[in-house]
């Protein structure tokens, strides 16, 4: 039972070995991964000590430090998704025409076969997002990714061309907010981080008295998501919901 505490999960689903390994990855220079099987995915994965380091993490380390020259590199099957394409089927249509002298002939028109790329979702939808909310009077959809905000407006039909610093959009906020929501009743924006909450009447208008500490109120530290249900805001952490 040597070092069994390293592999034990606590009541919130945390495991010391996995948390330490994830943070060591950051110390080595790895950012969060969008591969849900990776150790560096923002949510800790259920992995056993005998499990090999996932391919995405190995590739990241090799990109930073190169291959181990003493060992023959191992070849792994690629898991990169190939671009999807749709093929237009060739069609043949016959049309009757009347030539001089009253003789009827048939001509065939053939449509060339073409391959058209399938339109995929914007690359913002393939990236990890800390916070997503929208539905306010300004119609903007806000996505927060560490210290940047990316916005989408349905009337414009496109995303911002580049991320905007969160402190420029939500004046008074901090980078790396953990959860956020726009109340459908009050139209107030709530952002959560640690044991604090920020409330905005509009993105550039932080309400008086905020940020406000929540320690001792029964709300969790660093909730991972917020939702609105039955007249209340609920915070999600460790598979449990807490009423805000």
C-alpha atoms as a PDB file:
ATOM      1  CA  UNK A   1       0.000   0.000   0.000  1.00  0.00           C
ATOM      2  CA  UNK A   2       2.934   2.254  -0.651  1.00  0.00           C
ATOM      3  CA  UNK A   3       1.890   5.790  -1.719  1.00  0.00           C
ATOM      4  CA  UNK A   4      -1.781   4.815  -1.899  1.00  0.00           C
ATOM      5  CA  UNK A   5      -2.749   8.402  -1.016  1.00  0.00           C
ATOM      6  CA  UNK A   6      -1.382   9.461  -4.417  1.00  0.00           C
ATOM      7  CA  UNK A   7      -4.121   7.549  -6.225  1.00  0.00           C
ATOM      8  CA  UNK A   8      -7.004   8.165  -3.830  1.00  0.00           C
ATOM      9  CA  UNK A   9      -9.921  10.361  -4.978  1.00  0.00           C
ATOM     10  CA  UNK A  10     -11.443  12.841  -2.558  1.00  0.00           C
ATOM     11  CA  UNK A  11     -15.127  13.770  -2.250  1.00  0.00           C
ATOM     12  CA  UNK A  12     -14.866  16.246  -5.127  1.00  0.00           C
ATOM     13  CA  UNK A  13     -13.289  13.784  -7.545  1.00  0.00           C
ATOM     14  CA  UNK A  14      -9.731  15.116  -7.231  1.00  0.00           C
ATOM     15  CA  UNK A  15      -6.708  12.835  -7.306  1.00  0.00           C
ATOM     16  CA  UNK A  16      -3.322  14.026  -6.015  1.00  0.00           C
ATOM     17  CA  UNK A  17      -1.272  12.191  -8.644  1.00  0.00           C
ATOM     18  CA  UNK A  18      -3.347  13.478 -11.563  1.00  0.00           C
ATOM     19  CA  UNK A  19      -3.463  17.045 -10.266  1.00  0.00           C
ATOM     20  CA  UNK A  20       0.301  17.040  -9.688  1.00  0.00           C
ATOM     21  CA  UNK A  21       0.987  15.528 -13.124  1.00  0.00           C
ATOM     22  CA  UNK A  22      -1.262  18.106 -14.787  1.00  0.00           C
ATOM     23  CA  UNK A  23       0.488  20.995 -13.024  1.00  0.00           C
ATOM     24  CA  UNK A  24       3.928  19.546 -13.826  1.00  0.00           C
ATOM     25  CA  UNK A  25       2.834  19.602 -17.464  1.00  0.00           C
ATOM     26  CA  UNK A  26       2.204  23.339 -17.142  1.00  0.00           C
ATOM     27  CA  UNK A  27       5.618  23.779 -15.493  1.00  0.00           C
ATOM     28  CA  UNK A  28       7.203  22.029 -18.480  1.00  0.00           C
ATOM     29  CA  UNK A  29       5.497  24.469 -20.841  1.00  0.00           C
ATOM     30  CA  UNK A  30       2.340  22.633 -21.910  1.00  0.00           C
ATOM     31  CA  UNK A  31      -0.878  24.613 -22.246  1.00  0.00           C
ATOM     32  CA  UNK A  32      -4.372  23.160 -21.893  1.00  0.00           C
ATOM     33  CA  UNK A  33      -5.288  20.640 -24.556  1.00  0.00           C
ATOM     34  CA  UNK A  34      -8.571  20.357 -26.459  1.00  0.00           C
ATOM     35  CA  UNK A  35      -8.200  16.561 -26.607  1.00  0.00           C
ATOM     36  CA  UNK A  36     -10.560  15.172 -23.966  1.00  0.00           C
ATOM     37  CA  UNK A  37      -8.359  12.106 -23.451  1.00  0.00           C
ATOM     38  CA  UNK A  38      -5.241  14.171 -22.679  1.00  0.00           C
ATOM     39  CA  UNK A  39      -3.717  14.678 -19.253  1.00  0.00           C
ATOM     40  CA  UNK A  40      -3.578  18.411 -20.070  1.00  0.00           C
ATOM     41  CA  UNK A  41      -7.316  18.631 -20.779  1.00  0.00           C
ATOM     42  CA  UNK A  42      -8.733  21.288 -18.377  1.00  0.00           C
ATOM     43  CA  UNK A  43     -10.820  18.674 -16.557  1.00  0.00           C
ATOM     44  CA  UNK A  44      -8.910  15.889 -14.835  1.00  0.00           C
ATOM     45  CA  UNK A  45      -9.281  12.478 -16.431  1.00  0.00           C
ATOM     46  CA  UNK A  46      -9.801   9.105 -14.759  1.00  0.00           C
ATOM     47  CA  UNK A  47      -6.416   7.441 -15.353  1.00  0.00           C
ATOM     48  CA  UNK A  48      -4.695   4.530 -13.653  1.00  0.00           C
ATOM     49  CA  UNK A  49      -0.982   4.510 -12.682  1.00  0.00           C
ATOM     50  CA  UNK A  50      -0.278   1.827 -15.299  1.00  0.00           C
ATOM     51  CA  UNK A  51      -1.824   3.912 -18.094  1.00  0.00           C
ATOM     52  CA  UNK A  52       0.549   5.369 -20.676  1.00  0.00           C
ATOM     53  CA  UNK A  53       0.726   9.119 -21.096  1.00  0.00           C
ATOM     54  CA  UNK A  54      -1.853   9.962 -23.809  1.00  0.00           C
ATOM     55  CA  UNK A  55      -0.559  10.648 -27.319  1.00  0.00           C
ATOM     56  CA  UNK A  56      -1.565  14.321 -27.309  1.00  0.00           C
ATOM     57  CA  UNK A  57       0.589  14.962 -24.236  1.00  0.00           C
ATOM     58  CA  UNK A  58       3.536  13.022 -25.683  1.00  0.00           C
ATOM     59  CA  UNK A  59       3.297  15.012 -28.907  1.00  0.00           C
ATOM     60  CA  UNK A  60       3.261  18.268 -26.945  1.00  0.00           C
ATOM     61  CA  UNK A  61       6.390  17.366 -24.971  1.00  0.00           C
ATOM     62  CA  UNK A  62       8.189  16.238 -28.129  1.00  0.00           C
ATOM     63  CA  UNK A  63       7.270  19.499 -29.846  1.00  0.00           C
ATOM     64  CA  UNK A  64       8.895  21.413 -26.979  1.00  0.00           C
ATOM     65  CA  UNK A  65      11.937  19.245 -26.256  1.00  0.00           C
ATOM     66  CA  UNK A  66      12.328  16.893 -29.212  1.00  0.00           C
ATOM     67  CA  UNK A  67      12.483  13.102 -29.305  1.00  0.00           C
ATOM     68  CA  UNK A  68      14.636  10.968 -27.040  1.00  0.00           C
ATOM     69  CA  UNK A  69      17.629  10.234 -29.268  1.00  0.00           C
ATOM     70  CA  UNK A  70      18.526   7.100 -27.277  1.00  0.00           C
ATOM     71  CA  UNK A  71      15.325   5.302 -28.129  1.00  0.00           C
ATOM     72  CA  UNK A  72      13.607   4.490 -31.373  1.00  0.00           C
ATOM     73  CA  UNK A  73      10.523   6.724 -31.651  1.00  0.00           C
ATOM     74  CA  UNK A  74       7.291   4.807 -31.422  1.00  0.00           C
ATOM     75  CA  UNK A  75       4.853   5.223 -34.281  1.00  0.00           C
ATOM     76  CA  UNK A  76       1.272   5.888 -33.254  1.00  0.00           C
ATOM     77  CA  UNK A  77      -1.822   5.966 -35.420  1.00  0.00           C
ATOM     78  CA  UNK A  78      -2.935   9.485 -36.183  1.00  0.00           C
ATOM     79  CA  UNK A  79      -6.119  10.637 -34.472  1.00  0.00           C
ATOM     80  CA  UNK A  80      -6.354  13.924 -36.351  1.00  0.00           C
ATOM     81  CA  UNK A  81      -9.720  14.315 -37.991  1.00  0.00           C
ATOM     82  CA  UNK A  82      -9.570  14.658 -41.761  1.00  0.00           C
ATOM     83  CA  UNK A  83     -11.466  17.521 -43.439  1.00  0.00           C
ATOM     84  CA  UNK A  84     -14.900  16.423 -44.456  1.00  0.00           C
ATOM     85  CA  UNK A  85     -16.060  16.813 -48.036  1.00  0.00           C
ATOM     86  CA  UNK A  86     -19.312  16.308 -49.897  1.00  0.00           C
ATOM     87  CA  UNK A  87     -19.437  15.012 -53.445  1.00  0.00           C
ATOM     88  CA  UNK A  88     -21.996  16.283 -55.927  1.00  0.00           C
ATOM     89  CA  UNK A  89     -23.418  13.348 -57.906  1.00  0.00           C
ATOM     90  CA  UNK A  90     -23.135  13.463 -61.681  1.00  0.00           C
ATOM     91  CA  UNK A  91     -26.530  13.899 -63.320  1.00  0.00           C
ATOM     92  CA  UNK A  92     -27.560  13.364 -66.931  1.00  0.00           C
ATOM     93  CA  UNK A  93     -30.574  15.084 -68.439  1.00  0.00           C
ATOM     94  CA  UNK A  94     -32.056  14.501 -71.877  1.00  0.00           C
ATOM     95  CA  UNK A  95     -33.732  17.339 -73.755  1.00  0.00           C
ATOM     96  CA  UNK A  96     -35.725  17.155 -76.973  1.00  0.00           C
ATOM     97  CA  UNK A  97     -34.899  19.712 -79.679  1.00  0.00           C
ATOM     98  CA  UNK A  98     -36.322  20.241 -83.134  1.00  0.00           C
ATOM     99  CA  UNK A  99     -33.826  20.642 -85.980  1.00  0.00           C
ATOM    100  CA  UNK A 100     -34.451  22.140 -89.393  1.00  0.00           C
ATOM    101  CA  UNK A 101     -36.755  20.067 -91.508  1.00  0.00           C
ATOM    102  CA  UNK A 102     -38.936  19.115 -88.554  1.00  0.00           C
ATOM    103  CA  UNK A 103     -36.748  16.257 -87.388  1.00  0.00           C
ATOM    104  CA  UNK A 104     -36.692  15.807 -83.622  1.00  0.00           C
ATOM    105  CA  UNK A 105     -33.360  14.928 -81.998  1.00  0.00           C
ATOM    106  CA  UNK A 106     -32.268  14.322 -78.427  1.00  0.00           C
ATOM    107  CA  UNK A 107     -29.296  16.104 -76.870  1.00  0.00           C
ATOM    108  CA  UNK A 108     -27.662  15.137 -73.601  1.00  0.00           C
ATOM    109  CA  UNK A 109     -26.377  17.691 -71.117  1.00  0.00           C
ATOM    110  CA  UNK A 110     -23.939  16.315 -68.563  1.00  0.00           C
ATOM    111  CA  UNK A 111     -23.232  18.201 -65.336  1.00  0.00           C
ATOM    112  CA  UNK A 112     -19.557  17.826 -64.357  1.00  0.00           C
ATOM    113  CA  UNK A 113     -18.783  16.032 -61.109  1.00  0.00           C
ATOM    114  CA  UNK A 114     -17.474  18.392 -58.462  1.00  0.00           C
ATOM    115  CA  UNK A 115     -16.250  17.994 -54.897  1.00  0.00           C
ATOM    116  CA  UNK A 116     -17.171  20.805 -52.531  1.00  0.00           C
ATOM    117  CA  UNK A 117     -15.664  21.249 -49.061  1.00  0.00           C
ATOM    118  CA  UNK A 118     -18.166  20.955 -46.237  1.00  0.00           C
ATOM    119  CA  UNK A 119     -18.600  24.157 -44.261  1.00  0.00           C
ATOM    120  CA  UNK A 120     -17.480  23.464 -40.690  1.00  0.00           C
ATOM    121  CA  UNK A 121     -18.157  25.418 -37.522  1.00  0.00           C
ATOM    122  CA  UNK A 122     -15.982  28.395 -36.603  1.00  0.00           C
ATOM    123  CA  UNK A 123     -12.715  27.365 -34.958  1.00  0.00           C
ATOM    124  CA  UNK A 124     -13.837  29.133 -31.755  1.00  0.00           C
ATOM    125  CA  UNK A 125     -16.265  26.254 -31.282  1.00  0.00           C
ATOM    126  CA  UNK A 126     -13.367  23.780 -31.290  1.00  0.00           C
ATOM    127  CA  UNK A 127     -11.469  25.618 -28.563  1.00  0.00           C
ATOM    128  CA  UNK A 128     -11.798  25.235 -24.823  1.00  0.00           C
ATOM    129  CA  UNK A 129     -13.822  28.010 -23.181  1.00  0.00           C
ATOM    130  CA  UNK A 130     -13.802  28.916 -19.500  1.00  0.00           C
ATOM    131  CA  UNK A 131     -17.141  30.755 -19.630  1.00  0.00           C
ATOM    132  CA  UNK A 132     -19.964  31.040 -22.182  1.00  0.00           C
ATOM    133  CA  UNK A 133     -23.114  33.139 -21.803  1.00  0.00           C
ATOM    134  CA  UNK A 134     -25.381  35.419 -23.809  1.00  0.00           C
ATOM    135  CA  UNK A 135     -28.976  36.398 -24.396  1.00  0.00           C
ATOM    136  CA  UNK A 136     -28.801  39.950 -23.074  1.00  0.00           C
ATOM    137  CA  UNK A 137     -30.215  43.132 -24.605  1.00  0.00           C
ATOM    138  CA  UNK A 138     -27.045  43.612 -26.668  1.00  0.00           C
ATOM    139  CA  UNK A 139     -27.524  40.113 -28.203  1.00  0.00           C
ATOM    140  CA  UNK A 140     -23.807  39.319 -27.913  1.00  0.00           C
ATOM    141  CA  UNK A 141     -22.646  35.791 -27.136  1.00  0.00           C
ATOM    142  CA  UNK A 142     -19.604  36.047 -24.878  1.00  0.00           C
ATOM    143  CA  UNK A 143     -16.940  33.344 -24.593  1.00  0.00           C
ATOM    144  CA  UNK A 144     -14.103  33.792 -22.103  1.00  0.00           C
ATOM    145  CA  UNK A 145     -10.822  31.953 -22.641  1.00  0.00           C
ATOM    146  CA  UNK A 146      -8.362  32.727 -19.831  1.00  0.00           C
ATOM    147  CA  UNK A 147      -7.584  36.451 -20.312  1.00  0.00           C
ATOM    148  CA  UNK A 148      -9.424  36.989 -23.614  1.00  0.00           C
ATOM    149  CA  UNK A 149     -13.053  37.515 -24.642  1.00  0.00           C
ATOM    150  CA  UNK A 150     -14.392  36.368 -28.011  1.00  0.00           C
ATOM    151  CA  UNK A 151     -17.831  37.620 -29.042  1.00  0.00           C
ATOM    152  CA  UNK A 152     -20.408  36.549 -31.602  1.00  0.00           C
ATOM    153  CA  UNK A 153     -23.357  38.671 -32.727  1.00  0.00           C
ATOM    154  CA  UNK A 154     -26.228  36.983 -34.631  1.00  0.00           C
ATOM    155  CA  UNK A 155     -27.077  40.158 -36.562  1.00  0.00           C
ATOM    156  CA  UNK A 156     -23.504  40.433 -37.844  1.00  0.00           C
ATOM    157  CA  UNK A 157     -23.113  36.700 -38.359  1.00  0.00           C
ATOM    158  CA  UNK A 158     -19.455  36.468 -37.422  1.00  0.00           C
ATOM    159  CA  UNK A 159     -17.010  36.286 -34.517  1.00  0.00           C
ATOM    160  CA  UNK A 160     -14.500  38.894 -33.447  1.00  0.00           C
ATOM    161  CA  UNK A 161     -11.417  38.589 -35.628  1.00  0.00           C
ATOM    162  CA  UNK A 162      -9.240  38.397 -32.518  1.00  0.00           C
ATOM    163  CA  UNK A 163      -9.673  38.036 -28.781  1.00  0.00           C
ATOM    164  CA  UNK A 164     -10.177  41.147 -26.652  1.00  0.00           C
ATOM    165  CA  UNK A 165      -8.570  41.409 -23.198  1.00  0.00           C
ATOM    166  CA  UNK A 166     -11.219  40.576 -20.605  1.00  0.00           C
ATOM    167  CA  UNK A 167     -10.373  43.721 -18.631  1.00  0.00           C
ATOM    168  CA  UNK A 168     -11.238  45.834 -21.698  1.00  0.00           C
ATOM    169  CA  UNK A 169     -14.683  44.264 -22.089  1.00  0.00           C
ATOM    170  CA  UNK A 170     -15.603  43.685 -18.439  1.00  0.00           C
ATOM    171  CA  UNK A 171     -13.945  46.583 -16.679  1.00  0.00           C
ATOM    172  CA  UNK A 172     -13.080  45.595 -13.120  1.00  0.00           C
ATOM    173  CA  UNK A 173     -12.926  41.863 -13.855  1.00  0.00           C
ATOM    174  CA  UNK A 174      -9.849  39.624 -13.714  1.00  0.00           C
ATOM    175  CA  UNK A 175      -8.378  37.051 -16.108  1.00  0.00           C
ATOM    176  CA  UNK A 176      -9.416  33.403 -15.899  1.00  0.00           C
ATOM    177  CA  UNK A 177     -12.963  33.674 -14.629  1.00  0.00           C
ATOM    178  CA  UNK A 178     -14.255  30.210 -13.751  1.00  0.00           C
ATOM    179  CA  UNK A 179     -18.001  30.565 -14.399  1.00  0.00           C
ATOM    180  CA  UNK A 180     -20.429  33.146 -15.692  1.00  0.00           C
ATOM    181  CA  UNK A 181     -24.079  33.683 -16.508  1.00  0.00           C
ATOM    182  CA  UNK A 182     -26.510  36.352 -17.600  1.00  0.00           C
ATOM    183  CA  UNK A 183     -29.669  36.333 -15.477  1.00  0.00           C
ATOM    184  CA  UNK A 184     -32.712  36.141 -17.772  1.00  0.00           C
ATOM    185  CA  UNK A 185     -34.745  38.035 -15.153  1.00  0.00           C
ATOM    186  CA  UNK A 186     -32.503  40.912 -14.048  1.00  0.00           C
ATOM    187  CA  UNK A 187     -30.300  40.946 -17.197  1.00  0.00           C
ATOM    188  CA  UNK A 188     -27.319  41.223 -14.869  1.00  0.00           C
ATOM    189  CA  UNK A 189     -24.041  39.499 -15.751  1.00  0.00           C
ATOM    190  CA  UNK A 190     -22.425  37.395 -13.005  1.00  0.00           C
ATOM    191  CA  UNK A 191     -18.802  36.226 -13.160  1.00  0.00           C
ATOM    192  CA  UNK A 192     -17.336  33.854 -10.563  1.00  0.00           C
ATOM    193  CA  UNK A 193     -13.762  33.173  -9.495  1.00  0.00           C
ATOM    194  CA  UNK A 194     -12.457  31.719  -6.237  1.00  0.00           C
ATOM    195  CA  UNK A 195     -14.844  32.821  -3.480  1.00  0.00           C
ATOM    196  CA  UNK A 196     -15.786  36.058  -5.269  1.00  0.00           C
ATOM    197  CA  UNK A 197     -18.535  37.213  -7.604  1.00  0.00           C
ATOM    198  CA  UNK A 198     -18.594  40.181  -9.987  1.00  0.00           C
ATOM    199  CA  UNK A 199     -21.952  41.620 -11.086  1.00  0.00           C
ATOM    200  CA  UNK A 200     -22.318  43.869 -14.122  1.00  0.00           C
ATOM    201  CA  UNK A 201     -25.337  45.863 -15.291  1.00  0.00           C
ATOM    202  CA  UNK A 202     -23.585  45.948 -18.674  1.00  0.00           C
ATOM    203  CA  UNK A 203     -20.151  44.693 -19.744  1.00  0.00           C
ATOM    204  CA  UNK A 204     -18.467  48.013 -18.914  1.00  0.00           C
ATOM    205  CA  UNK A 205     -20.507  48.787 -15.784  1.00  0.00           C
ATOM    206  CA  UNK A 206     -19.496  46.908 -12.613  1.00  0.00           C
ATOM    207  CA  UNK A 207     -22.175  47.274  -9.935  1.00  0.00           C
ATOM    208  CA  UNK A 208     -21.309  49.093  -6.719  1.00  0.00           C
ATOM    209  CA  UNK A 209     -20.061  46.833  -3.934  1.00  0.00           C
ATOM    210  CA  UNK A 210     -18.593  44.237  -6.307  1.00  0.00           C
ATOM    211  CA  UNK A 211     -16.611  42.048  -6.461  1.00  0.00           C
ATOM    212  CA  UNK A 212     -18.185  40.537  -3.366  1.00  0.00           C
ATOM    213  CA  UNK A 213     -16.753  37.726  -1.248  1.00  0.00           C
ATOM    214  CA  UNK A 214     -18.790  34.535  -1.013  1.00  0.00           C
ATOM    215  CA  UNK A 215     -16.726  32.672   1.577  1.00  0.00           C
ATOM    216  CA  UNK A 216     -18.996  31.136   4.209  1.00  0.00           C
ATOM    217  CA  UNK A 217     -22.154  31.451   2.113  1.00  0.00           C
ATOM    218  CA  UNK A 218     -22.232  27.785   1.089  1.00  0.00           C
ATOM    219  CA  UNK A 219     -21.076  28.436  -2.467  1.00  0.00           C
ATOM    220  CA  UNK A 220     -18.096  26.434  -3.771  1.00  0.00           C
ATOM    221  CA  UNK A 221     -14.595  27.682  -4.489  1.00  0.00           C
ATOM    222  CA  UNK A 222     -13.965  28.153  -8.225  1.00  0.00           C
ATOM    223  CA  UNK A 223     -17.254  26.761  -9.592  1.00  0.00           C
ATOM    224  CA  UNK A 224     -16.817  25.330 -13.067  1.00  0.00           C
ATOM    225  CA  UNK A 225     -20.200  26.430 -14.464  1.00  0.00           C
ATOM    226  CA  UNK A 226     -23.300  28.485 -13.690  1.00  0.00           C
ATOM    227  CA  UNK A 227     -26.883  27.932 -14.829  1.00  0.00           C
ATOM    228  CA  UNK A 228     -30.313  29.425 -14.242  1.00  0.00           C
ATOM    229  CA  UNK A 229     -33.191  27.177 -13.202  1.00  0.00           C
ATOM    230  CA  UNK A 230     -36.467  27.732 -11.318  1.00  0.00           C
ATOM    231  CA  UNK A 231     -35.761  31.339 -10.455  1.00  0.00           C
ATOM    232  CA  UNK A 232     -32.261  30.779  -9.079  1.00  0.00           C
ATOM    233  CA  UNK A 233     -28.655  30.774 -10.227  1.00  0.00           C
ATOM    234  CA  UNK A 234     -26.940  27.451  -9.528  1.00  0.00           C
ATOM    235  CA  UNK A 235     -23.193  26.818  -9.404  1.00  0.00           C
ATOM    236  CA  UNK A 236     -21.675  23.494 -10.450  1.00  0.00           C
ATOM    237  CA  UNK A 237     -18.637  21.968  -8.739  1.00  0.00           C
ATOM    238  CA  UNK A 238     -17.543  18.372  -8.220  1.00  0.00           C
ATOM    239  CA  UNK A 239     -20.756  16.933  -9.663  1.00  0.00           C
ATOM    240  CA  UNK A 240     -22.888  18.937  -7.204  1.00  0.00           C
ATOM    241  CA  UNK A 241     -25.144  21.976  -7.658  1.00  0.00           C
ATOM    242  CA  UNK A 242     -25.079  24.847  -5.163  1.00  0.00           C
ATOM    243  CA  UNK A 243     -27.776  27.527  -5.001  1.00  0.00           C
ATOM    244  CA  UNK A 244     -26.307  31.016  -5.331  1.00  0.00           C
END
